[in-house]
Amino acid sequence: MKKILIFVAAATLAVCACHRENGAPVQEGVGSMSLKLTYGGEYQTKADEVNVNDFVITLTRPADGWTQTYDRYGDMDAMLQLGSGTYEVVAESPDHADAAFNQPVYRGEATFTIRAGEVTPVPMVCSLSNMKVTFVLTDRFRNELSNYTVTATNAADFTAADAGTRTLVWDKDAVDNGVAGYFSVAPLKIKVDGYRAIDGSSASTMLSVTNVAAKDHHIVTLDAQVTGQVGGFSLSLDATLNEKVSNVDIPGWDEVPVEGGGNEGGDDPTPDDPTPDDPTPSTAPTMVWEANPTFAETPIADGIDVNIQINAPKKIKTFTVFVDSDKLADTIAALGGTGYTDGGTTVLMDMISNEELIESLDGMGLGIPTADALYGKESVLFSLSNLIPMINMYEPEPGSKHYFTLRVSDMEDQVLEKTLTFVAQ
């Protein structure tokens, strides 16, 4: 998933006079703030590319209600003066449609304090705040159907009053070209209407997806299942969401007799084999934690087994780890990790592209695979067994939780994300 990284540096100046901004009094002591936006990662195609210069930036000082909005980050001054105090900063994409093609919506927010005589760095990560929907076609679907449409909505239903602004329709060309739809976070209904090539007859099916969240990528597989002895079949949907699969089948078309394949006047029919071919196997990445198959919360202890088997039939393209730990964040940042959020408790580890981090980790001998040991591989044993016990060196509060979110994408931009939760004893 593409991440928008925002780096904010606030350097105080020796200014004692009190003045006003937008009608609100500024507190004693004035600092300067510089805002830098960059982005990196995966989860997008060229068609979804964002321009950070178009992002809307909003600064707020809750104490007195002062606020300032910049319609374009690209038009902001390089340095902004701010009075001492606590502020909130929000950065977000300029467009926020509930449903739109090729419209990822990014958002990030953070709270920071400017104090006289101090420098206050505030890095912030903007991540996807809506959901992505794409479709994969099986060969049977392509061969059996001459035409089809796919309709998706996050309204209560397709006839709801607000369905017009919450519904997208893909025609055959849009699906074939991999056009992505983006939806605000709400349960989805997806309907497919297909027309059979052999006789123009139609069938349809619908899938409901209720377990939804920001950053989800719903990859829906469209398939045509053979159901009749000769030519009947039905449509089915397979929606892959964070490894959760739902299947919906509908009754197939009536059988169309084929010359030489019937049983006119006979008592003992010899039907063609009605059993459909096996569905196309998934090529999406998978993670298996043999010592903890359900990825349940795990106590932090010496000798802990955190060996994650990662399989990516289409080969690993990117590999990142988000570490949310008030004890390890500073250490990982010092090793070269980037992207603090949550007041300095979360840091991003790019295991393939961050050369500084990779050199540091390799030098520590922790046995964590990096760079070429990950990129382009179909199978990797990713081990955190030597890193996790280091949390105890910092005497964490008993019961505190420390999160490691592993995100893998492959060469076909299929994404898998898993969160490992460790609990201090």
Protein backbone atom coordinates (compact mmCIF):
# COMPACT_ATOMS: atom_id res chain seq x y z
CA MET A 1 0.00 0.00 0.00
CA LYS A 2 1.34 3.37 -0.80
CA LYS A 3 2.08 5.38 2.28
CA ILE A 4 2.33 9.14 2.35
CA LEU A 5 5.05 10.17 4.77
CA ILE A 6 4.83 13.64 6.24
CA PHE A 7 7.77 15.14 8.08
CA VAL A 8 7.10 18.25 10.17
CA ALA A 9 9.95 20.16 11.83
CA ALA A 10 9.14 22.92 14.30
CA ALA A 11 12.08 25.11 15.37
CA THR A 12 11.36 27.77 17.99
CA LEU A 13 12.48 31.35 17.54
CA ALA A 14 13.25 33.93 20.24
CA VAL A 15 10.15 36.02 19.67
CA CYS A 16 8.39 37.30 22.77
CA ALA A 17 5.77 39.62 21.31
CA CYS A 18 2.17 38.43 21.26
CA HIS A 19 0.27 38.82 17.98
CA ARG A 20 -2.83 37.45 16.23
CA GLU A 21 -3.36 34.91 13.45
CA ASN A 22 -6.82 34.63 11.89
CA GLY A 23 -8.21 36.61 14.82
CA ALA A 24 -6.91 34.28 17.54
CA PRO A 25 -4.16 35.28 19.99
CA VAL A 26 -0.82 33.49 19.64
CA GLN A 27 0.88 32.37 22.82
CA GLU A 28 4.21 33.69 24.02
CA GLY A 29 7.14 32.21 22.10
CA VAL A 30 6.95 31.68 18.38
CA GLY A 31 8.40 28.81 16.39
CA SER A 32 8.70 27.93 12.75
CA MET A 33 7.30 24.83 11.10
CA SER A 34 8.36 23.20 7.84
CA LEU A 35 6.19 20.53 6.26
CA LYS A 36 7.58 17.95 3.88
CA LEU A 37 5.47 15.30 2.15
CA THR A 38 6.89 12.24 0.47
CA TYR A 39 5.44 8.84 -0.31
CA GLY A 40 6.59 5.34 -1.02
CA GLY A 41 5.42 1.73 -0.88
CA GLU A 42 3.00 -0.31 -2.89
CA TYR A 43 -0.74 -0.95 -3.39
CA GLN A 44 -1.23 1.36 -6.37
CA THR A 45 -0.91 1.27 -10.12
CA LYS A 46 0.09 4.15 -12.37
CA ALA A 47 -3.61 4.89 -12.92
CA ASP A 48 -4.02 5.53 -9.18
CA GLU A 49 -0.93 7.73 -8.82
CA VAL A 50 -1.31 10.60 -6.38
CA ASN A 51 0.25 14.05 -6.42
CA VAL A 52 1.14 15.10 -2.90
CA ASN A 53 1.23 18.74 -3.98
CA ASP A 54 -2.57 18.55 -4.25
CA PHE A 55 -3.04 17.41 -0.65
CA VAL A 56 -5.09 19.62 1.69
CA ILE A 57 -3.29 20.57 4.93
CA THR A 58 -5.20 21.72 8.01
CA LEU A 59 -3.56 23.04 11.18
CA THR A 60 -5.60 23.47 14.39
CA ARG A 61 -4.77 24.79 17.85
CA PRO A 62 -7.46 23.25 20.10
CA ALA A 63 -6.78 25.56 23.05
CA ASP A 64 -8.30 28.60 21.34
CA GLY A 65 -9.87 27.19 18.18
CA TRP A 66 -7.35 28.76 15.79
CA THR A 67 -7.20 26.94 12.47
CA GLN A 68 -5.52 27.35 9.12
CA THR A 69 -6.23 25.39 5.94
CA TYR A 70 -3.99 25.18 2.89
CA ASP A 71 -5.88 24.02 -0.20
CA ARG A 72 -2.67 22.71 -1.79
CA TYR A 73 0.44 21.53 -0.07
CA GLY A 74 2.35 22.70 -3.13
CA ASP A 75 1.26 26.30 -2.44
CA MET A 76 2.36 26.38 1.20
CA ASP A 77 5.29 28.51 2.33
CA ALA A 78 8.39 26.52 3.12
CA MET A 79 8.40 27.87 6.69
CA LEU A 80 5.39 28.73 8.83
CA GLN A 81 5.48 30.63 12.10
CA LEU A 82 3.45 29.22 14.99
CA GLY A 83 3.05 30.28 18.58
CA SER A 84 3.90 27.95 21.43
CA GLY A 85 1.20 25.43 22.19
CA THR A 86 -0.33 22.13 21.17
CA TYR A 87 -1.46 21.67 17.57
CA GLU A 88 -3.17 19.11 15.39
CA VAL A 89 -2.20 18.64 11.75
CA VAL A 90 -4.25 16.76 9.16
CA ALA A 91 -3.19 15.97 5.58
CA GLU A 92 -5.61 14.38 3.14
CA SER A 93 -6.40 13.86 -0.51
CA PRO A 94 -8.48 16.66 -2.06
CA ASP A 95 -11.25 14.37 -3.39
CA HIS A 96 -13.44 12.25 -1.10
CA ALA A 97 -16.15 10.65 -3.21
CA ASP A 98 -17.95 7.71 -1.58
CA ALA A 99 -17.44 5.77 -4.80
CA ALA A 100 -15.10 6.57 -7.68
CA PHE A 101 -12.78 4.83 -10.11
CA ASN A 102 -9.03 5.18 -9.53
CA GLN A 103 -9.49 7.47 -6.51
CA PRO A 104 -7.46 6.36 -3.49
CA VAL A 105 -8.10 8.68 -0.56
CA TYR A 106 -5.21 9.24 1.82
CA ARG A 107 -5.39 10.78 5.26
CA GLY A 108 -3.05 11.26 8.19
CA GLU A 109 -3.20 13.21 11.41
CA ALA A 110 -0.94 13.92 14.37
CA THR A 111 -0.74 16.05 17.50
CA PHE A 112 2.41 17.98 18.34
CA THR A 113 3.55 20.63 20.76
CA ILE A 114 5.76 23.64 20.05
CA ARG A 115 7.71 24.86 23.08
CA ALA A 116 9.89 27.93 23.28
CA GLY A 117 13.55 27.03 22.90
CA GLU A 118 12.91 23.50 21.60
CA VAL A 119 12.82 21.77 18.23
CA THR A 120 9.76 19.56 17.71
CA PRO A 121 9.95 17.03 14.85
CA VAL A 122 6.59 15.47 13.99
CA PRO A 123 6.75 12.73 11.33
CA MET A 124 3.33 11.43 10.28
CA VAL A 125 2.14 8.59 8.04
CA CYS A 126 -0.86 9.15 5.76
CA SER A 127 -2.46 5.89 4.72
CA LEU A 128 -5.37 4.80 2.59
CA SER A 129 -8.66 5.74 4.27
CA ASN A 130 -10.99 4.11 1.75
CA MET A 131 -11.28 0.61 0.22
CA LYS A 132 -10.09 -0.74 -3.11
CA VAL A 133 -12.05 -3.21 -5.27
CA THR A 134 -10.60 -5.10 -8.26
CA PHE A 135 -11.60 -8.22 -10.18
CA VAL A 136 -9.84 -11.36 -11.39
CA LEU A 137 -11.34 -13.52 -14.14
CA THR A 138 -10.92 -17.26 -14.47
CA ASP A 139 -10.35 -18.70 -17.94
CA ARG A 140 -13.76 -20.37 -17.78
CA PHE A 141 -15.44 -17.04 -17.14
CA ARG A 142 -13.68 -15.45 -20.10
CA ASN A 143 -14.50 -18.35 -22.41
CA GLU A 144 -18.13 -18.89 -21.42
CA LEU A 145 -19.35 -15.27 -21.35
CA SER A 146 -19.57 -12.95 -24.33
CA ASN A 147 -20.49 -9.93 -22.23
CA TYR A 148 -21.03 -8.97 -18.60
CA THR A 149 -21.29 -6.05 -16.19
CA VAL A 150 -20.26 -5.75 -12.57
CA THR A 151 -22.05 -3.37 -10.20
CA ALA A 152 -20.85 -2.55 -6.68
CA THR A 153 -22.29 -0.25 -4.03
CA ASN A 154 -21.65 0.67 -0.42
CA ALA A 155 -25.19 2.05 -0.02
CA ALA A 156 -27.72 0.03 1.99
CA ASP A 157 -28.86 -1.52 -1.31
CA PHE A 158 -28.83 -0.79 -5.02
CA THR A 159 -32.11 1.15 -4.83
CA ALA A 160 -31.28 3.27 -1.76
CA ALA A 161 -31.72 7.05 -2.00
CA ASP A 162 -27.96 7.62 -1.93
CA ALA A 163 -27.06 4.73 -4.25
CA GLY A 164 -26.38 7.13 -7.11
CA THR A 165 -23.25 8.50 -5.45
CA ARG A 166 -22.23 5.22 -3.85
CA THR A 167 -22.37 2.86 -6.84
CA LEU A 168 -19.90 1.99 -9.59
CA VAL A 169 -20.55 -0.04 -12.74
CA TRP A 170 -17.77 -1.86 -14.61
CA ASP A 171 -18.41 -2.91 -18.19
CA LYS A 172 -16.48 -5.76 -19.80
CA ASP A 173 -13.65 -3.51 -21.01
CA ALA A 174 -13.22 -1.90 -17.57
CA VAL A 175 -12.94 -5.29 -15.87
CA ASP A 176 -10.61 -6.65 -18.55
CA ASN A 177 -8.36 -3.59 -18.14
CA GLY A 178 -8.16 -3.96 -14.37
CA VAL A 179 -9.85 -0.66 -13.51
CA ALA A 180 -9.95 -0.24 -9.72
CA GLY A 181 -12.92 1.14 -7.83
CA TYR A 182 -12.56 2.92 -4.49
CA PHE A 183 -15.28 3.13 -1.83
CA SER A 184 -15.64 4.85 1.52
CA VAL A 185 -15.72 2.32 4.35
CA ALA A 186 -19.13 0.61 4.50
CA PRO A 187 -20.45 -2.91 3.74
CA LEU A 188 -20.32 -3.75 0.04
CA LYS A 189 -22.79 -5.42 -2.28
CA ILE A 190 -21.37 -6.70 -5.57
CA LYS A 191 -23.56 -7.95 -8.43
CA VAL A 192 -22.50 -9.63 -11.67
CA ASP A 193 -24.76 -9.96 -14.72
CA GLY A 194 -23.41 -12.26 -17.41
CA TYR A 195 -24.49 -13.32 -20.90
CA ARG A 196 -23.50 -16.70 -22.25
CA ALA A 197 -21.65 -16.78 -25.56
CA ILE A 198 -23.37 -19.94 -26.83
CA ASP A 199 -26.95 -18.64 -26.82
CA GLY A 200 -27.06 -15.19 -25.21
CA SER A 201 -28.92 -16.44 -22.12
CA SER A 202 -28.25 -14.59 -18.88
CA ALA A 203 -27.51 -15.30 -15.24
CA SER A 204 -26.52 -13.17 -12.29
CA THR A 205 -25.11 -13.48 -8.79
CA MET A 206 -24.51 -11.19 -5.86
CA LEU A 207 -21.99 -11.10 -3.02
CA SER A 208 -22.25 -9.17 0.25
CA VAL A 209 -19.07 -8.20 2.11
CA THR A 210 -19.77 -6.97 5.64
CA ASN A 211 -16.36 -7.22 7.30
CA VAL A 212 -14.79 -4.04 5.93
CA ALA A 213 -12.18 -1.51 7.00
CA ALA A 214 -9.94 1.22 5.65
CA LYS A 215 -6.97 -0.05 3.59
CA ASP A 216 -8.83 -3.23 2.61
CA HIS A 217 -8.26 -4.49 -0.91
CA HIS A 218 -11.21 -6.62 -2.00
CA ILE A 219 -10.05 -8.89 -4.82
CA VAL A 220 -13.13 -10.54 -6.32
CA THR A 221 -12.68 -13.59 -8.53
CA LEU A 222 -15.34 -14.05 -11.22
CA ASP A 223 -15.96 -17.63 -12.28
CA ALA A 224 -18.45 -19.53 -14.43
CA GLN A 225 -19.28 -22.97 -13.04
CA VAL A 226 -20.52 -25.78 -15.31
CA THR A 227 -23.75 -27.18 -13.85
CA GLY A 228 -25.57 -28.95 -16.69
CA GLN A 229 -24.74 -32.23 -18.40
CA VAL A 230 -23.89 -30.46 -21.63
CA GLY A 231 -23.74 -26.71 -21.50
CA GLY A 232 -25.34 -25.37 -18.31
CA PHE A 233 -23.33 -23.34 -15.85
CA SER A 234 -23.62 -20.64 -13.20
CA LEU A 235 -21.65 -17.67 -11.99
CA SER A 236 -19.78 -17.48 -8.70
CA LEU A 237 -17.82 -14.86 -6.82
CA ASP A 238 -14.79 -15.37 -4.62
CA ALA A 239 -13.95 -12.23 -2.63
CA THR A 240 -10.53 -12.36 -1.01
CA LEU A 241 -10.17 -9.87 1.86
CA ASN A 242 -7.20 -10.30 4.16
CA GLU A 243 -7.38 -14.04 3.45
CA LYS A 244 -11.11 -14.22 4.24
CA VAL A 245 -12.92 -15.90 1.35
CA SER A 246 -16.66 -15.80 0.60
CA ASN A 247 -18.36 -17.76 -2.15
CA VAL A 248 -21.77 -17.16 -3.69
CA ASP A 249 -23.30 -19.48 -6.31
CA ILE A 250 -26.51 -19.10 -8.31
CA PRO A 251 -28.53 -21.63 -10.36
CA GLY A 252 -27.00 -22.19 -13.79
CA TRP A 253 -28.52 -21.76 -17.22
CA ASP A 254 -30.80 -24.47 -18.60
CA GLU A 255 -28.97 -27.08 -20.57
CA VAL A 256 -28.74 -26.45 -24.33
CA PRO A 257 -28.83 -29.74 -26.32
CA VAL A 258 -25.78 -30.37 -28.46
CA GLU A 259 -26.01 -32.57 -31.53
CA GLY A 260 -24.83 -36.06 -30.69
CA GLY A 261 -24.83 -35.37 -26.99
CA GLY A 262 -28.49 -36.10 -26.15
CA ASN A 263 -30.55 -39.24 -25.58
CA GLU A 264 -33.52 -38.93 -27.87
CA GLY A 265 -35.62 -42.05 -27.53
CA GLY A 266 -33.08 -43.84 -25.35
CA ASP A 267 -33.63 -45.30 -21.90
CA ASP A 268 -30.05 -45.30 -20.64
CA PRO A 269 -28.54 -41.86 -21.04
CA THR A 270 -24.82 -41.55 -21.07
CA PRO A 271 -24.30 -37.96 -19.94
CA ASP A 272 -21.16 -36.01 -20.27
CA ASP A 273 -19.24 -35.69 -17.00
CA PRO A 274 -21.11 -32.94 -15.11
CA THR A 275 -18.27 -32.34 -12.70
CA PRO A 276 -16.64 -28.94 -13.25
CA ASP A 277 -12.94 -28.48 -13.43
CA ASP A 278 -11.27 -27.49 -10.17
CA PRO A 279 -11.35 -23.72 -9.58
CA THR A 280 -8.24 -21.80 -10.50
CA PRO A 281 -5.93 -21.98 -7.46
CA SER A 282 -5.11 -18.70 -5.75
CA THR A 283 -1.68 -17.23 -6.37
CA ALA A 284 -1.95 -14.64 -3.58
CA PRO A 285 0.76 -14.57 -0.88
CA THR A 286 0.16 -16.55 2.34
CA MET A 287 1.68 -16.54 5.84
CA VAL A 288 1.87 -19.52 8.18
CA TRP A 289 3.05 -19.29 11.80
CA GLU A 290 3.45 -22.94 12.73
CA ALA A 291 4.00 -22.21 16.42
CA ASN A 292 0.90 -19.99 16.52
CA PRO A 293 -1.48 -20.94 13.67
CA THR A 294 -4.21 -18.47 14.73
CA PHE A 295 -1.79 -15.54 15.19
CA ALA A 296 -3.06 -15.16 18.77
CA GLU A 297 -1.52 -12.72 21.25
CA THR A 298 1.84 -14.09 22.39
CA PRO A 299 3.75 -13.48 25.65
CA ILE A 300 7.22 -11.96 25.21
CA ALA A 301 9.81 -14.42 26.46
CA ASP A 302 13.29 -15.68 25.72
CA GLY A 303 13.27 -18.56 23.25
CA ILE A 304 10.01 -17.41 21.65
CA ASP A 305 9.29 -18.99 18.25
CA VAL A 306 8.38 -16.27 15.75
CA ASN A 307 9.17 -18.00 12.47
CA ILE A 308 6.68 -17.00 9.77
CA GLN A 309 6.62 -19.05 6.57
CA ILE A 310 5.76 -16.74 3.68
CA ASN A 311 4.82 -18.18 0.31
CA ALA A 312 4.38 -15.95 -2.74
CA PRO A 313 3.86 -17.94 -5.95
CA LYS A 314 4.18 -14.72 -7.98
CA LYS A 315 7.37 -13.72 -6.13
CA ILE A 316 7.88 -11.07 -3.47
CA LYS A 317 8.01 -7.47 -4.67
CA THR A 318 7.83 -5.44 -1.44
CA PHE A 319 8.12 -6.34 2.23
CA THR A 320 7.48 -3.86 5.03
CA VAL A 321 7.00 -4.16 8.78
CA PHE A 322 5.17 -1.56 10.86
CA VAL A 323 6.38 -1.78 14.46
CA ASP A 324 4.04 -0.20 17.02
CA SER A 325 5.99 -0.41 20.27
CA ASP A 326 6.81 2.35 22.73
CA LYS A 327 9.95 0.40 23.65
CA LEU A 328 11.40 -0.63 20.28
CA ALA A 329 10.39 2.35 18.13
CA ASP A 330 13.38 4.52 19.06
CA THR A 331 15.82 1.64 18.61
CA ILE A 332 14.48 0.75 15.15
CA ALA A 333 14.47 4.41 14.15
CA ALA A 334 18.11 4.63 15.15
CA LEU A 335 18.83 1.65 12.92
CA GLY A 336 17.32 3.47 9.95
CA GLY A 337 13.57 2.86 10.28
CA THR A 338 11.32 5.69 9.12
CA GLY A 339 7.85 7.11 9.52
CA TYR A 340 7.01 7.79 13.15
CA THR A 341 3.32 8.03 14.01
CA ASP A 342 1.19 7.86 17.16
CA GLY A 343 3.36 10.24 19.11
CA GLY A 344 6.55 8.35 18.39
CA THR A 345 5.56 4.70 18.99
CA THR A 346 5.29 3.39 15.41
CA VAL A 347 8.10 3.07 12.90
CA LEU A 348 8.28 1.63 9.39
CA MET A 349 10.83 -0.99 8.37
CA ASP A 350 11.30 -1.37 4.61
CA MET A 351 13.01 -4.73 4.50
CA ILE A 352 13.95 -4.55 0.80
CA SER A 353 14.71 -0.93 -0.13
CA ASN A 354 16.01 0.79 3.02
CA GLU A 355 19.76 0.28 2.69
CA GLU A 356 20.63 1.90 6.03
CA LEU A 357 18.18 -0.29 7.93
CA ILE A 358 19.23 -3.42 6.07
CA GLU A 359 22.92 -2.82 6.82
CA SER A 360 22.12 -2.30 10.51
CA LEU A 361 19.97 -5.41 10.82
CA ASP A 362 22.45 -7.59 8.94
CA GLY A 363 25.22 -6.34 11.20
CA MET A 364 23.33 -7.31 14.35
CA GLY A 365 23.10 -10.96 13.33
CA LEU A 366 19.45 -11.34 14.30
CA GLY A 367 18.73 -13.73 11.47
CA ILE A 368 16.09 -11.50 9.89
CA PRO A 369 16.06 -11.88 6.08
CA THR A 370 16.40 -8.65 4.11
CA ALA A 371 16.94 -7.30 0.58
CA ASP A 372 17.84 -10.08 -1.88
CA ALA A 373 16.86 -12.75 0.64
CA LEU A 374 13.28 -11.46 0.18
CA TYR A 375 12.97 -9.79 -3.21
CA GLY A 376 11.91 -12.11 -6.00
CA LYS A 377 11.57 -15.11 -3.69
CA GLU A 378 8.63 -17.50 -3.81
CA SER A 379 9.20 -18.90 -0.32
CA VAL A 380 10.86 -17.27 2.71
CA LEU A 381 11.11 -18.13 6.41
CA PHE A 382 10.84 -14.71 8.08
CA SER A 383 12.11 -14.85 11.65
CA LEU A 384 11.62 -12.31 14.46
CA SER A 385 12.59 -14.82 17.16
CA ASN A 386 15.72 -12.89 18.14
CA LEU A 387 14.20 -9.40 17.87
CA ILE A 388 11.03 -9.76 19.98
CA PRO A 389 12.80 -10.70 23.27
CA MET A 390 14.76 -7.42 23.02
CA ILE A 391 11.58 -5.63 24.13
CA ASN A 392 12.16 -7.00 27.65
CA MET A 393 15.51 -5.17 27.79
CA TYR A 394 13.53 -1.92 28.09
CA GLU A 395 11.41 -3.14 31.03
CA PRO A 396 7.99 -2.77 29.39
CA GLU A 397 4.93 -2.31 31.54
CA PRO A 398 3.30 -5.70 32.26
CA GLY A 399 0.33 -6.22 30.00
CA SER A 400 1.51 -3.68 27.43
CA LYS A 401 1.09 -4.79 23.82
CA HIS A 402 3.57 -4.47 20.99
CA TYR A 403 2.41 -4.87 17.39
CA PHE A 404 4.35 -5.99 14.32
CA THR A 405 2.36 -5.72 11.07
CA LEU A 406 3.92 -7.62 8.16
CA ARG A 407 2.86 -6.51 4.70
CA VAL A 408 3.92 -8.38 1.56
CA SER A 409 3.09 -7.66 -2.07
CA ASP A 410 3.99 -9.76 -5.09
CA MET A 411 4.90 -8.99 -8.69
CA GLU A 412 1.19 -8.88 -9.59
CA ASP A 413 0.52 -6.36 -6.77
CA GLN A 414 -1.42 -8.87 -4.69
CA VAL A 415 -1.13 -7.76 -1.06
CA LEU A 416 -1.17 -9.70 2.20
CA GLU A 417 -1.04 -8.08 5.65
CA LYS A 418 -0.84 -9.80 9.04
CA THR A 419 -0.44 -8.29 12.51
CA LEU A 420 1.54 -10.10 15.21
CA THR A 421 0.72 -9.04 18.78
CA PHE A 422 3.16 -9.55 21.65
CA VAL A 423 2.31 -8.97 25.32
CA ALA A 424 4.80 -8.00 28.03
CA GLN A 425 4.74 -10.15 31.18
